[in-house]
Protein backbone atom coordinates (compact mmCIF):
# COMPACT_ATOMS: atom_id res chain seq x y z
CA MET A 1 103.47 130.08 -93.42
CA LEU A 2 104.21 130.60 -89.73
CA LYS A 3 105.97 133.81 -88.79
CA ILE A 4 107.29 134.45 -85.28
CA PHE A 5 108.20 137.82 -83.80
CA ASN A 6 111.79 137.37 -82.71
CA THR A 7 112.87 139.62 -79.83
CA LEU A 8 116.45 139.36 -81.05
CA SER A 9 115.75 140.86 -84.48
CA ARG A 10 112.61 142.77 -83.44
CA THR A 11 110.89 141.57 -86.59
CA LYS A 12 108.54 138.79 -87.62
CA GLU A 13 110.58 136.03 -89.20
CA GLU A 14 109.55 132.97 -91.15
CA PHE A 15 109.75 130.00 -88.80
CA LYS A 16 112.31 127.44 -89.90
CA PRO A 17 112.75 124.72 -87.27
CA ILE A 18 116.13 123.06 -86.86
CA ASN A 19 114.48 119.68 -87.23
CA PRO A 20 111.25 119.80 -89.30
CA SER A 21 109.90 116.77 -87.46
CA GLU A 22 110.21 118.23 -83.95
CA VAL A 23 110.27 121.80 -82.60
CA THR A 24 112.29 122.40 -79.43
CA MET A 25 110.97 125.01 -77.00
CA TYR A 26 112.19 126.11 -73.57
CA ASN A 27 109.91 128.16 -71.28
CA CYS A 28 111.47 129.93 -68.29
CA GLY A 29 109.48 128.64 -65.34
CA LEU A 30 108.61 129.51 -61.77
CA THR A 31 111.05 130.26 -58.96
CA VAL A 32 109.33 128.20 -56.28
CA TYR A 33 109.55 130.46 -53.24
CA PHE A 34 105.89 131.58 -53.46
CA TYR A 35 102.64 130.85 -55.24
CA ALA A 36 102.32 131.45 -59.00
CA HIS A 37 100.54 134.78 -59.45
CA ILE A 38 98.47 135.92 -62.42
CA GLY A 39 101.51 137.56 -64.01
CA ASN A 40 103.36 134.23 -63.95
CA LEU A 41 100.30 132.44 -65.28
CA ARG A 42 100.08 134.82 -68.22
CA ALA A 43 103.64 133.88 -69.23
CA TYR A 44 102.90 130.17 -68.90
CA THR A 45 99.60 130.51 -70.79
CA MET A 46 101.61 132.08 -73.59
CA GLY A 47 103.99 129.12 -73.65
CA ASP A 48 101.11 126.65 -73.60
CA SER A 49 99.18 128.45 -76.36
CA MET A 50 102.35 128.55 -78.51
CA ARG A 51 102.81 124.82 -78.03
CA ARG A 52 99.12 124.15 -78.83
CA SER A 53 99.27 126.43 -81.87
CA LEU A 54 102.37 124.71 -83.20
CA GLU A 55 100.69 121.34 -82.78
CA PHE A 56 97.53 122.63 -84.46
CA LEU A 57 99.69 123.71 -87.40
CA GLY A 58 101.12 120.21 -87.67
CA TYR A 59 104.39 120.43 -85.74
CA LYS A 60 105.50 118.00 -83.08
CA VAL A 61 106.78 119.96 -80.06
CA LYS A 62 109.37 119.00 -77.46
CA GLN A 63 108.65 121.49 -74.68
CA VAL A 64 110.60 122.04 -71.45
CA GLN A 65 109.51 124.29 -68.58
CA ASN A 66 111.71 124.39 -65.50
CA PHE A 67 111.33 125.03 -61.80
CA THR A 68 114.04 127.21 -60.22
CA ASP A 69 114.59 125.89 -56.71
CA VAL A 70 118.01 127.37 -55.87
CA GLY A 71 120.31 130.24 -56.77
CA HIS A 72 117.83 133.00 -57.68
CA MET A 73 118.97 135.97 -55.62
CA THR A 74 117.13 139.08 -54.52
CA LEU A 75 118.10 142.14 -52.49
CA THR A 76 118.52 141.85 -48.73
CA GLU A 77 116.56 144.32 -46.61
CA GLU A 78 119.79 146.25 -46.02
CA GLN A 79 120.45 146.50 -49.77
CA LYS A 80 116.88 147.66 -50.44
CA LEU A 81 117.33 150.50 -47.99
CA LYS A 82 120.67 151.40 -49.49
CA VAL A 83 119.36 151.91 -53.02
CA GLY A 84 115.73 152.76 -52.24
CA LEU A 85 114.32 149.81 -54.19
CA GLN A 86 111.67 147.31 -53.10
CA GLU A 87 112.72 144.54 -55.45
CA VAL A 88 115.30 143.68 -58.07
CA ASN A 89 114.80 140.63 -60.26
CA ASP A 90 118.35 139.33 -60.05
CA THR A 91 121.42 140.18 -58.01
CA ASP A 92 124.75 138.50 -57.31
CA ASN A 93 125.35 139.39 -53.68
CA GLY A 94 121.84 139.38 -52.26
CA GLU A 95 119.78 136.67 -50.60
CA ASP A 96 118.59 133.44 -52.20
CA ARG A 97 114.80 133.65 -52.65
CA MET A 98 114.41 130.05 -51.48
CA GLU A 99 116.43 130.66 -48.31
CA LYS A 100 114.44 133.81 -47.60
CA ALA A 101 111.12 131.96 -47.92
CA ALA A 102 112.35 129.09 -45.74
CA LYS A 103 113.30 131.46 -42.91
CA LYS A 104 109.99 133.27 -43.14
CA GLU A 105 107.88 130.10 -43.16
CA GLY A 106 109.92 128.09 -40.67
CA LYS A 107 110.52 125.27 -43.16
CA THR A 108 113.51 123.74 -44.89
CA VAL A 109 114.27 125.00 -48.38
CA TRP A 110 113.40 121.54 -49.71
CA GLU A 111 109.98 121.70 -48.06
CA VAL A 112 109.38 125.19 -49.46
CA ALA A 113 110.30 124.05 -52.97
CA GLN A 114 108.06 120.99 -52.88
CA PHE A 115 105.11 122.90 -51.43
CA TYR A 116 105.15 125.58 -54.13
CA ILE A 117 105.85 123.09 -56.92
CA ASP A 118 102.78 121.10 -55.81
CA SER A 119 100.76 124.32 -55.71
CA ALA A 120 101.97 125.35 -59.17
CA MET A 121 101.19 121.96 -60.66
CA LYS A 122 97.63 122.22 -59.37
CA ASP A 123 97.31 125.66 -61.01
CA TYR A 124 98.77 124.36 -64.27
CA THR A 125 96.17 121.59 -64.35
CA GLU A 126 93.39 124.10 -63.66
CA MET A 127 94.71 126.34 -66.46
CA ASN A 128 94.62 123.35 -68.84
CA PHE A 129 98.32 123.49 -69.71
CA GLU A 130 99.50 120.55 -71.76
CA GLU A 131 102.13 118.54 -69.94
CA PRO A 132 105.59 119.33 -71.39
CA PHE A 133 108.27 116.83 -72.26
CA SER A 134 110.00 117.72 -68.99
CA ARG A 135 109.62 119.97 -65.92
CA PRO A 136 113.20 119.87 -64.59
CA ARG A 137 114.25 121.28 -61.23
CA ALA A 138 117.52 123.19 -61.12
CA THR A 139 118.76 121.07 -58.21
CA GLU A 140 118.47 117.95 -60.39
CA TYR A 141 121.08 119.30 -62.85
CA ILE A 142 123.95 120.37 -60.59
CA LYS A 143 126.46 118.09 -62.34
CA GLU A 144 125.56 119.54 -65.74
CA GLN A 145 125.97 123.06 -64.41
CA ILE A 146 129.37 122.26 -62.92
CA ASP A 147 130.45 120.72 -66.23
CA MET A 148 129.51 123.90 -68.12
CA ILE A 149 131.40 126.07 -65.62
CA LYS A 150 134.50 123.88 -66.05
CA VAL A 151 134.39 124.51 -69.82
CA LEU A 152 133.96 128.26 -69.32
CA LEU A 153 136.99 128.34 -67.01
CA ASP A 154 139.07 126.24 -69.41
CA LYS A 155 138.22 128.55 -72.31
CA GLY A 156 138.97 131.70 -70.34
CA TYR A 157 135.39 132.97 -70.20
CA ALA A 158 135.21 132.69 -66.41
CA TYR A 159 137.41 133.48 -63.43
CA ILE A 160 137.52 132.56 -59.76
CA THR A 161 137.39 135.03 -56.86
CA PRO A 162 137.43 134.30 -53.11
CA SER A 163 133.63 134.45 -53.05
CA ALA A 164 132.44 133.18 -56.43
CA ILE A 165 133.13 132.15 -60.00
CA TYR A 166 132.11 134.86 -62.45
CA PHE A 167 131.50 134.96 -66.18
CA ASP A 168 133.70 137.59 -67.84
CA THR A 169 131.29 139.55 -70.05
CA SER A 170 134.14 141.44 -71.73
CA LYS A 171 135.08 138.16 -73.45
CA SER A 172 131.60 137.74 -74.95
CA ASP A 173 131.18 139.27 -78.40
CA GLY A 174 127.78 140.91 -78.79
CA TYR A 175 126.96 140.74 -75.09
CA GLY A 176 123.59 142.43 -74.54
CA GLU A 177 122.54 142.22 -78.20
CA LEU A 178 119.15 140.82 -77.17
CA THR A 179 118.30 144.07 -75.40
CA GLY A 180 119.67 146.38 -78.07
CA GLN A 181 121.75 148.31 -75.56
CA ASN A 182 125.08 148.25 -73.78
CA LEU A 183 124.54 146.29 -70.59
CA ASN A 184 127.80 147.44 -69.02
CA GLU A 185 126.60 151.04 -69.13
CA LYS A 186 123.14 150.13 -67.91
CA LEU A 187 124.29 148.10 -64.92
CA VAL A 188 127.37 149.94 -63.77
CA GLY A 189 125.68 152.16 -61.19
CA PHE A 190 123.51 149.47 -59.67
CA ARG A 191 126.17 146.77 -59.65
CA GLU A 192 128.85 148.97 -58.10
CA ASP A 193 126.55 150.40 -55.42
CA VAL A 194 124.74 147.23 -54.35
CA GLU A 195 126.94 144.36 -55.44
CA LYS A 196 130.35 145.86 -54.95
CA ASP A 197 132.96 143.14 -55.21
CA ASP A 198 136.52 144.36 -55.64
CA ASN A 199 137.35 141.06 -57.32
CA LYS A 200 134.84 141.48 -60.17
CA ARG A 201 136.49 142.59 -63.40
CA ASN A 202 133.40 144.22 -64.94
CA PRO A 203 130.16 145.51 -63.39
CA SER A 204 128.06 143.28 -65.69
CA ASP A 205 129.99 140.08 -64.90
CA PHE A 206 127.61 137.57 -63.37
CA ARG A 207 127.89 134.74 -60.90
CA LEU A 208 128.17 131.18 -62.18
CA TRP A 209 128.90 129.52 -58.84
CA GLN A 210 128.70 130.95 -55.35
CA LEU A 211 131.39 129.60 -53.05
CA ASP A 212 130.10 128.52 -49.66
CA GLN A 213 129.72 131.40 -47.22
CA GLY A 214 128.78 129.01 -44.41
CA ASP A 215 125.06 129.75 -43.99
CA HIS A 216 123.45 128.45 -47.17
CA ALA A 217 121.33 125.31 -46.71
CA MET A 218 121.55 124.16 -50.33
CA LYS A 219 125.15 123.47 -51.34
CA TRP A 220 127.08 120.90 -53.33
CA GLU A 221 130.64 119.73 -53.74
CA SER A 222 132.50 121.12 -56.73
CA PRO A 223 136.10 121.30 -57.95
CA TRP A 224 136.27 124.75 -56.35
CA GLY A 225 134.78 123.83 -52.98
CA GLU A 226 131.23 123.64 -51.63
CA GLY A 227 128.76 126.09 -53.05
CA PHE A 228 125.66 126.53 -55.20
CA PRO A 229 124.95 127.63 -58.77
CA GLY A 230 123.92 130.99 -60.12
CA TRP A 231 120.45 131.36 -61.58
CA HIS A 232 121.52 131.83 -65.21
CA ILE A 233 123.71 128.73 -65.56
CA GLU A 234 120.80 126.57 -64.43
CA CYS A 235 118.64 127.28 -67.49
CA SER A 236 121.55 126.89 -69.88
CA ALA A 237 122.42 123.50 -68.41
CA MET A 238 118.85 122.20 -68.34
CA SER A 239 118.14 123.41 -71.86
CA LYS A 240 121.29 121.79 -73.24
CA ALA A 241 120.72 118.50 -71.42
CA LEU A 242 117.10 118.15 -72.52
CA LEU A 243 116.88 119.95 -75.87
CA GLY A 244 120.38 120.20 -77.29
CA GLU A 245 122.97 122.92 -77.89
CA THR A 246 120.77 125.02 -80.18
CA ILE A 247 117.01 125.25 -79.70
CA ASP A 248 114.22 126.66 -81.80
CA ILE A 249 112.23 128.80 -79.35
CA HIS A 250 112.92 130.25 -75.92
CA THR A 251 110.20 132.16 -74.05
CA GLY A 252 109.93 134.21 -70.89
CA GLY A 253 108.75 137.49 -69.45
CA MET A 254 110.22 140.85 -70.41
CA ASP A 255 111.75 140.97 -66.93
CA ASN A 256 113.85 137.91 -67.84
CA MET A 257 115.19 139.44 -71.03
CA PRO A 258 117.67 142.19 -70.01
CA VAL A 259 119.78 140.12 -67.62
CA HIS A 260 118.78 136.45 -67.35
CA HIS A 261 118.36 135.74 -71.05
CA VAL A 262 121.32 137.91 -72.05
CA ASN A 263 123.46 135.88 -69.67
CA GLU A 264 122.06 132.57 -70.89
CA ILE A 265 123.09 133.49 -74.43
CA ALA A 266 126.59 134.53 -73.40
CA GLN A 267 127.45 131.41 -71.40
CA SER A 268 125.71 128.89 -73.68
CA GLU A 269 127.35 130.19 -76.84
CA ALA A 270 130.73 130.40 -75.12
CA VAL A 271 130.48 126.73 -74.09
CA ASN A 272 128.92 125.28 -77.23
CA GLU A 273 130.40 127.64 -79.85
CA LYS A 274 126.98 127.60 -81.52
CA LYS A 275 123.96 129.86 -81.64
CA PHE A 276 121.90 129.20 -78.51
CA VAL A 277 118.35 130.14 -79.61
CA ASN A 278 116.90 130.89 -83.04
CA TYR A 279 113.66 132.59 -81.91
CA TRP A 280 113.23 134.54 -78.67
CA TYR A 281 109.63 135.29 -77.65
CA HIS A 282 108.78 137.49 -74.65
CA ASN A 283 105.51 138.41 -72.98
CA GLU A 284 104.99 141.93 -71.66
CA PHE A 285 104.02 142.83 -68.10
CA LEU A 286 100.60 142.41 -66.54
CA THR A 287 99.42 145.36 -64.46
CA VAL A 288 96.53 145.33 -62.00
CA ASP A 289 94.13 148.27 -62.01
CA GLY A 290 96.82 150.19 -63.86
CA LYS A 291 99.43 149.57 -61.18
CA LYS A 292 102.52 147.40 -61.05
CA MET A 293 101.72 144.02 -59.56
CA SER A 294 103.52 143.25 -56.30
CA LYS A 295 103.00 141.42 -53.04
CA SER A 296 103.56 144.66 -51.12
CA LEU A 297 100.55 146.25 -52.86
CA GLY A 298 98.41 143.19 -52.21
CA ASN A 299 97.51 142.86 -55.89
CA ALA A 300 99.63 139.83 -56.85
CA TYR A 301 96.53 137.70 -57.14
CA THR A 302 96.75 133.93 -57.37
CA LEU A 303 94.38 131.57 -59.14
CA THR A 304 93.01 130.57 -55.73
CA ASP A 305 92.17 134.22 -55.03
CA LEU A 306 90.15 134.37 -58.25
CA LYS A 307 88.39 131.07 -57.61
CA GLU A 308 87.35 132.26 -54.16
CA LYS A 309 85.60 135.14 -55.92
CA GLY A 310 83.67 132.69 -58.09
CA PHE A 311 85.80 132.71 -61.23
CA ASP A 312 87.00 129.71 -63.18
CA ALA A 313 90.57 129.24 -64.41
CA MET A 314 89.23 129.30 -67.96
CA ASP A 315 87.91 132.82 -67.38
CA LEU A 316 91.49 133.90 -66.77
CA ARG A 317 92.76 132.00 -69.80
CA TYR A 318 90.11 133.68 -71.97
CA LEU A 319 91.07 137.09 -70.54
CA TYR A 320 94.72 136.55 -71.48
CA PHE A 321 93.69 135.87 -75.09
CA LEU A 322 92.10 139.31 -75.43
CA VAL A 323 95.49 141.06 -75.65
CA ASN A 324 98.54 140.00 -77.63
CA PHE A 325 101.05 138.45 -75.24
CA ARG A 326 103.76 140.80 -76.51
CA MET A 327 101.72 143.80 -75.34
CA LYS A 328 101.08 145.00 -71.81
CA GLN A 329 97.76 143.91 -70.35
CA ASN A 330 95.83 145.47 -67.49
CA PHE A 331 93.95 143.11 -65.18
CA THR A 332 90.73 144.27 -63.53
CA PHE A 333 87.92 142.26 -62.02
CA GLU A 334 85.55 144.06 -64.36
CA ALA A 335 87.54 142.76 -67.34
CA LEU A 336 87.63 139.26 -65.84
CA THR A 337 83.86 139.35 -65.35
CA SER A 338 83.38 140.32 -69.00
CA ALA A 339 85.74 137.52 -70.05
CA ARG A 340 83.73 135.03 -67.99
CA SER A 341 80.49 136.23 -69.60
CA ALA A 342 81.93 135.84 -73.11
CA ARG A 343 83.39 132.41 -72.37
CA LEU A 344 80.10 131.14 -70.91
CA LYS A 345 78.26 132.38 -74.02
CA LEU A 346 80.68 130.33 -76.10
CA LYS A 347 80.05 127.28 -73.94
CA GLU A 348 76.31 127.80 -74.15
CA PHE A 349 76.50 128.04 -77.94
CA VAL A 350 78.24 124.65 -78.30
CA ARG A 351 76.12 122.94 -75.65
CA GLY A 352 73.51 120.36 -76.64
CA GLU A 353 72.96 118.03 -79.56
CA TYR A 354 74.99 118.50 -82.70
CA LYS A 355 76.38 116.34 -85.47
CA ASP A 356 80.12 116.15 -86.09
CA VAL A 357 80.85 117.43 -89.57
CA LYS A 358 84.02 116.73 -91.52
CA ILE A 359 86.00 119.95 -91.68
CA ASP A 360 87.28 121.18 -95.00
CA LYS A 361 90.59 122.91 -94.40
CA GLU A 362 89.72 125.21 -97.28
CA ASN A 363 86.81 126.51 -95.20
CA ILE A 364 87.14 130.29 -94.96
CA TYR A 365 86.97 130.28 -91.16
CA TYR A 366 89.44 127.43 -90.78
CA LYS A 367 91.90 129.28 -93.02
CA GLU A 368 91.32 132.52 -91.11
CA PHE A 369 91.94 130.77 -87.78
CA VAL A 370 95.14 129.20 -89.10
CA SER A 371 96.23 132.57 -90.45
CA SER A 372 95.84 134.07 -86.95
CA LEU A 373 98.03 131.39 -85.41
CA GLU A 374 100.60 131.81 -88.17
CA ASP A 375 100.74 135.53 -87.45
CA SER A 376 103.07 135.06 -84.48
CA PHE A 377 100.39 133.30 -82.40
CA ASN A 378 97.82 136.10 -82.60
CA MET A 379 95.28 134.81 -80.07
CA PRO A 380 93.03 137.93 -80.10
CA GLU A 381 92.53 137.45 -83.83
CA ALA A 382 91.94 133.73 -83.35
CA LEU A 383 89.18 134.49 -80.82
CA ALA A 384 87.70 137.11 -83.14
CA THR A 385 87.44 134.45 -85.85
CA VAL A 386 85.42 132.23 -83.51
CA TRP A 387 82.91 135.00 -82.85
CA LYS A 388 82.76 135.92 -86.51
CA LEU A 389 81.93 132.29 -87.30
CA ILE A 390 79.16 132.19 -84.70
CA GLY A 391 77.57 135.30 -86.18
CA ASP A 392 77.56 133.99 -89.76
CA GLU A 393 73.98 132.89 -90.50
CA LYS A 394 75.08 131.21 -93.75
CA VAL A 395 76.97 128.50 -91.81
CA ASP A 396 74.82 125.79 -90.20
CA LYS A 397 75.08 125.00 -86.50
CA ASP A 398 76.71 121.58 -86.96
CA MET A 399 79.55 123.07 -88.99
CA LYS A 400 80.00 125.93 -86.54
CA VAL A 401 80.25 123.64 -83.54
CA SER A 402 82.55 121.20 -85.34
CA LEU A 403 84.89 124.04 -86.28
CA ILE A 404 84.89 125.48 -82.76
CA LYS A 405 85.65 122.04 -81.35
CA GLU A 406 88.66 121.87 -83.66
CA PHE A 407 89.74 125.42 -82.80
CA ASP A 408 89.60 124.66 -79.08
CA LYS A 409 92.54 122.29 -79.55
CA ALA A 410 94.62 125.46 -79.96
CA LEU A 411 92.65 127.67 -77.56
CA GLY A 412 92.49 125.13 -74.75
CA LEU A 413 89.39 126.78 -73.22
CA ARG A 414 87.64 123.48 -72.35
CA LEU A 415 84.57 124.67 -74.25
CA PHE A 416 83.22 121.14 -74.42
CA GLU A 417 83.84 120.25 -70.77
CA GLU A 418 81.97 121.20 -67.63
CA ASP A 419 83.65 123.89 -65.52
CA ARG A 420 85.58 122.66 -62.52
CA LYS A 421 83.60 123.61 -59.48
CA SER A 422 85.11 125.62 -56.64
CA GLU A 423 83.37 123.33 -54.15
CA GLU A 424 86.56 121.30 -53.60
CA ASN A 425 87.94 123.90 -51.17
CA ILE A 426 84.77 124.07 -49.04
CA ASP A 427 84.77 122.36 -45.66
CA PRO A 428 82.42 119.33 -45.50
CA ASP A 429 79.96 120.86 -42.99
CA THR A 430 79.47 124.01 -45.09
CA LYS A 431 79.12 121.95 -48.25
CA ALA A 432 76.51 119.70 -46.63
CA LYS A 433 74.52 122.72 -45.40
CA LEU A 434 74.61 124.32 -48.87
CA GLU A 435 73.41 121.11 -50.49
CA LYS A 436 70.50 120.87 -48.02
CA LEU A 437 69.54 124.47 -48.73
CA ILE A 438 69.64 123.83 -52.48
CA SER A 439 67.40 120.79 -52.04
CA LYS A 440 64.99 122.79 -49.87
CA ARG A 441 64.94 125.59 -52.46
CA ASN A 442 64.27 123.13 -55.28
CA ASP A 443 61.23 121.86 -53.34
CA ALA A 444 60.08 125.45 -52.77
CA LYS A 445 60.34 126.21 -56.48
CA LYS A 446 58.35 123.07 -57.35
CA ASN A 447 55.65 124.22 -54.93
CA LYS A 448 55.83 127.74 -56.43
CA ASP A 449 56.79 129.12 -53.04
CA TYR A 450 58.98 131.85 -54.50
CA THR A 451 59.16 133.80 -51.26
CA LEU A 452 60.85 130.84 -49.56
CA SER A 453 63.02 130.26 -52.62
CA ASP A 454 64.27 133.86 -52.52
CA SER A 455 64.91 133.74 -48.78
CA ILE A 456 67.03 130.60 -49.20
CA ARG A 457 69.05 132.32 -51.93
CA ASP A 458 69.60 135.25 -49.56
CA GLU A 459 70.68 132.87 -46.78
CA VAL A 460 73.20 131.22 -49.09
CA LYS A 461 74.48 134.66 -50.11
CA SER A 462 74.97 135.60 -46.46
CA MET A 463 77.17 132.49 -46.14
CA GLY A 464 79.42 133.90 -48.86
CA TYR A 465 78.12 131.92 -51.83
CA ASP A 466 76.03 132.52 -54.92
CA LEU A 467 73.60 129.98 -56.38
CA ILE A 468 74.07 129.26 -60.08
CA ASP A 469 71.01 127.88 -61.90
CA SER A 470 71.59 126.04 -65.17
CA LYS A 471 70.07 123.26 -67.27
CA GLU A 472 72.13 120.75 -65.28
CA GLY A 473 70.71 121.96 -61.95
CA THR A 474 71.85 124.33 -59.24
CA SER A 475 75.43 124.73 -58.04
CA PHE A 476 77.17 127.24 -55.82
CA LYS A 477 80.24 129.45 -56.08
CA LYS A 478 82.08 131.71 -53.65
CA ASN A 479 80.83 135.29 -54.08
């Protein structure tokens, strides 16, 4: 029996899907003003492993993961100085993250969005994420957002000011229940100091639609004049359009929970007069060397950064599985190196000739693996079962490999595929030179000229690459 830890109740609850034949799941996706960093990828690995686990357990899953390409505001430099903060996840009167990136990079906001969506999609492929039912962009659902705002105004949940349309949080029963605290009290100081708007009725009221201030590149016609949507209404509109008024599972990072997800609940339930989400699932923060991850500290590593150091995307995926997604995890290169070593040992174990064996679902290891997934997607325990299986001398190799092959449907570690080489980013001249050196070294080894072989390895190392010898031959990776 699957149990899911529900952030709303703070307990593990038996999973009862709305429709037994299809689970609906919405994953809060990337705001496409910059590359996906390893903190983002941890959240998306969680969503992918939940989807894979559900499918492994026999459910059909209708998964949606969005791209936010407008309306996600951050502090202006002036506001940062005023309150002494480097970053705030969401504001009402700040600067659109997309606009900020476009100015910095000398591109249009549309070009910025497409560039970072393309980059993210490449990362998602490398990370072996299953393709969801839909990857909607917020700008593709403007009509649906406007329609929801109309309903909120008609029902008295929203009001219009000279600068924006706001949701009136005082009209929402149970506002902030997801966080277990009074959001009005929590936000009053920040909202009044940074986002002071004499026309706002309550400090926690949030923007549904920003009326045109004249300098925003992305804007659309609406019944209230030109403008653009707020961040929160986007997810509510996309979720409703693609998954329905009530969905089974909604995921996201802990940073999304106190404001973004609270606001999604308030506006969706006000419009639909139904419960918005049955199971909320949040991943905790990823730190780097014990410090908060941020671009200003230079530790917001991307997948490309890791690949340039010789790591594979599956090393990162394996690393994420070592700690429950609901717990904080600390990233270090030492930990990533250990994860790579363990993953390669797994790959080495399943390599070579073996005979597919029919799996008995009453097998103790199969049942233990299923039990781990049913325990709120406990990936550390699932991995531990794999290693326990490998170490059991009473189980023959064919059965072990057959079971691991089945388990990898949920793990998604590509244990039965060759690693994707990092050679794709190497310029042709360097690649050609490396290949010639490898060929020359192979000849030296055949002639037992180990002095020459070692000198070639040193030459390759001085070029910034390591040689990797395996049964398939010699390859190279960035050191």
